[in-house]
Amino acid sequence: MEHAYPADELMPLTCRGRVRGQEPSRGDVDDALGKFSLTLIDSLDTLVVLNKTKEFEDAVRKVLRDVNLDNDVVVSVFETNIRVLGGLLGGHSLAIMLKEKGEYMQWYNDELLQMAKQLGYKLLPAFNTTSGLPYPRINLKFGIRKPEARTGTETDTCTACAGTLILEFAALSRFTGATIFEEYARKALDFLWEKRQRSSNLVGVTINIHTGDWVRKDSGVGAGIDSYYEYLLKAYVLLGDDSFLERFNTHYDAIMRYISQPPLLLDVHIHKPMLNARTWMDALLAFFPGLQVLKGDIRPAIETHEMLYQVIKKHNFLPEAFTTDFRVHWAQHPLRPEFAESTYFLYKATGDPYYLEVGKTLIENLNKYARVPCGFAAMKDVRTGSHEDRMDSFFLAEMFKYLYLLFADKEDVIFDIEDYIFTTEAHLLPLWLSTTNQRISKKNTTSEYTELDDSNFDWTCPNTQILFPNDPLYAQSIREPLKNVVDKSCPRGIIRVREESFRSGAKPPLRARDFMATNPEHLEILKKMGVSLIHLKDGRVQLVQHAIQAASSIDAEDGLRFMQEMIELSSQQQKEQQLPPRAVQIVSHPFFGRVVLTAGPAQFGLDLSKHKETRGFVASSKPYNGCSELTNPEAVMGKIALIQRGQCMFAEKARNIQNAGAIGGIVIDDNEGSSSDTAPLFQMAGDGKDTDDITIPMLFLFSKEGSIILDAIREYEEVEVLLSDKAKDRDPEMENEEPPSSENESQNQSAEQIASSSQEVDLVDQESPEESSLNSHPESLSPADTDNAASISPSEQNSNPTESHETTSLDGECTDLDNQLKEQSETEEDSNPNVSWGKKVQPIDSILADWNEDIEAFEMMEKDEL
């Protein structure tokens, strides 16, 4: 309210509000913003839960006075429903509760409900499709399809987007008596149920809203599907309609049969559910243990929750995605509340104080790593501790609510929480709605439900003595076998795994590590496998594979395997040339280490991963571009110099500030508005000469991150920073630390070397289903190329086979093969300071997941013998 209102969200690093259109676009993430004071509406009922009734009353008055729902802005139907419509309905539910108690809200006359009804009517045009599935976006002012609406051309939506409407829409109908909202939401759910894959009873991630065809046929309980399952069960709880429970139970049986691989929850293909669709899990599935508690299936809930908690203990937060051997896949963490939600429900179910300790850890990590002077900042990278200038509305709507309720005694909450159900955004809807305004036909027009052999399905109001034996050690006995599942996990070398798989079958005719482009025998084997070799002008070798040109289907499979191995081998050899991100941490007053900025590394100078951090005060160099001898050496002597990108090579800048006595350098991008939020990581390259003479650390900050330091200098003059490979832990004593000595004595910090990135591999399935497309050097292919190619340089191809084997085969030792980030290595030249050298990169697990999907697609083609 102090720094952002009436904007939709707070930007906690720059201490201002995020207004749609005034900040660089973040893509789909911005679809939640509608210029309707999102965070205030989303956190209305949180205020009541936290017993801030006076603040709640003031907040409601502000919403009624200031919020406009008629803005010319395109918003997500899903996000607007769960955050804004749900927030208004949750606020209304608790407003009428407080009014009945007789102390607060005596003036209230359903004003929030009228706003909710207005918003509900604004969302209804999105349902104008033949299927009844809503368009994913709508213009609040102009609706759908009109030229001025700028939306209505989409063809696909996610399953959760279409299936997470029933609670809010049905509550709106029950509160107001207008049945149209519940009818539309039910129709969408009915259509999704009809389109489930009948043999597996699973649903895909995205669906065509006009034809009902599945667009993405992978299925899990995480992003894209999660709240569809949640709303089936909760719709039964809130509305009392048995059909919703029957549908949920049918899906739940399929989830536990195919997706649940305790303690993991892995995506599968809906047509072939025994085949995993990927080798990583996303953070949104952390809600599922809480849903299992609500369903009454406690054991797998405890197991999955314990696995997730160990990942958090390893990284302080749950990464957006992590692999099956618990390495980081996507390193961001936008302060998601799903794990806290499951922790709360598990504690409610078991009463085990262990979950209070889990909650304590969450709170300590938030205060230690995410809290900044103006709020709580999302984590840009959980490995380095760097921040993103973002605090989503769900942080106050959900995280605060669940953590408070976890520790609250019954008397700490001024109403009975058991009289309400939580929506997916943790908004509270009263259970008495189940008997109010029941005008909707409940007849089941869908096909018959499968008879399921699961005694859990008989429990509508479970007895806790049956579900959770009266033994305080019950949950502990389930957790005990899993207590070291993350730490003891040893990533397995991909090629090593394949070697083991070959032992049961025929030996492959040629391995990628043995291949020599000059060996005629090898070329003949490639030809038999349908692989042709092309020598490019730049000296590289391009491999193209056509399955239909192979001598047999078995040879085609060998060709596929060889191409896959070649890309993996090339990626392994490339990764040594990549560097992980670094961190710039502001440690002086009033920041005290709370602000951590993502910094790009340099391929020269002091390696922060192998040496102590560098700590010192910052000073701007003159000239600011650092391209000539500094005219203010006394200002940068013994300090970390700030220099601007452009007009000369990075190495030249480093030498100039080093000669002036600087102990480090931070290069700030001259491209105004650039940000690590929207751009890939930047690596500073050398100048092509020997750079051993550069002995100080050099880091790169984009314009937005750099401006945070520059603004701090303008406000506080003396600004001290820490340059490191990973943010230093912030202790309470840090605020009382004395400044370092004049020699800027570095502090010790143990740091793990983050594994580097692999090169990008694109997987394409174009003209023929029998052509496989592998391309590790996209720049080598023209747009007309429809073939699949893997390009390697002669130096890569002729690498030592023994070394390759040792690199890719793990024999009992745990090595981190892909804590990988998308990185971009860039250098500057006089003629063009923005020349980019690097390649985008894609983690090897992602490559394999996509590759498995391609193989699955081949197998599913009826006339393909591959």
Foldseek 3Di string as FASTA:
>chain_A
DVQEPPAQFFQQLVSHHDHPPPAPDLPQVCLLGDSFSQLLLLQLLVCQQQVVQVVSQVSVVCSLPPGDQQDQDKHFLQSCQCRRLLSLQLSLVVLVVVCVVPDPNVVDDCSSLVVSVLQLVLQVLQLPEPQLQGDGMAGSNPGEDDPSTPHNPDFKAFQCSRQQRQVSQLLSCLVPVPCPSNVSSVSSLLSQQQLQLVVLLFGFQMAGRHPRHRPGQKGWCFPRHPQNLVCLVVCCLQQVQVVSLLSSVLHVVSQVVQQCPWQGGFIAGRVDSVHGLFFKDFPRSLLVLLSCLVLLQNLSSLRNLLVQLVLCVVLVHRARMAGPLSFHAHFWFQQDQRSLSSLLSNCVLQVQCVSVVSLVSNVVSQVFQQDWPRGGFTANGSQFSAGGSDHHSLCSSHNSSSSCSSPDDPVSNPDDQVQWDQRPSGRTDGSVSNVGSPPDDSDDPHDDGDDDDDPSSVDPPDDSCVSPPPDSCRSVVSCVVVNCSNVPRFDFFPVQVVVVVCVVDPDQPDALLPDDPPDVVNQVLCQQLQWHWDQDPVQKIKIFHFNVRHVDNVSVVSNLVRLLRNQVLQQLVPQVVFADWWWKAWCAPPGNRRHIHIWAFEPFAADQQVDFKFKFWEDAFVVQQQQDATPCLVRQALHEYEHEFDQAWPLNSLVRNVVSHHQHYEYEYPPPSDAVSPDFGEYRYGPPDDSNVRHHTYIYGYNVVVVSSVVCCVVPVTIMIIIHRHRDTRDPCSNVDDQDDSNRDGDDDNHDGQGEFTAAWDWDCPDDLRATATDRDVVVDDPPDPTHIYMDHNVSSPDDSVVSCVSRGDDPDHDDHDSYGFHWYQIQDNVGGGGTDGGTGRTSSVVVSVSSVSVVVQVPPPPRPD
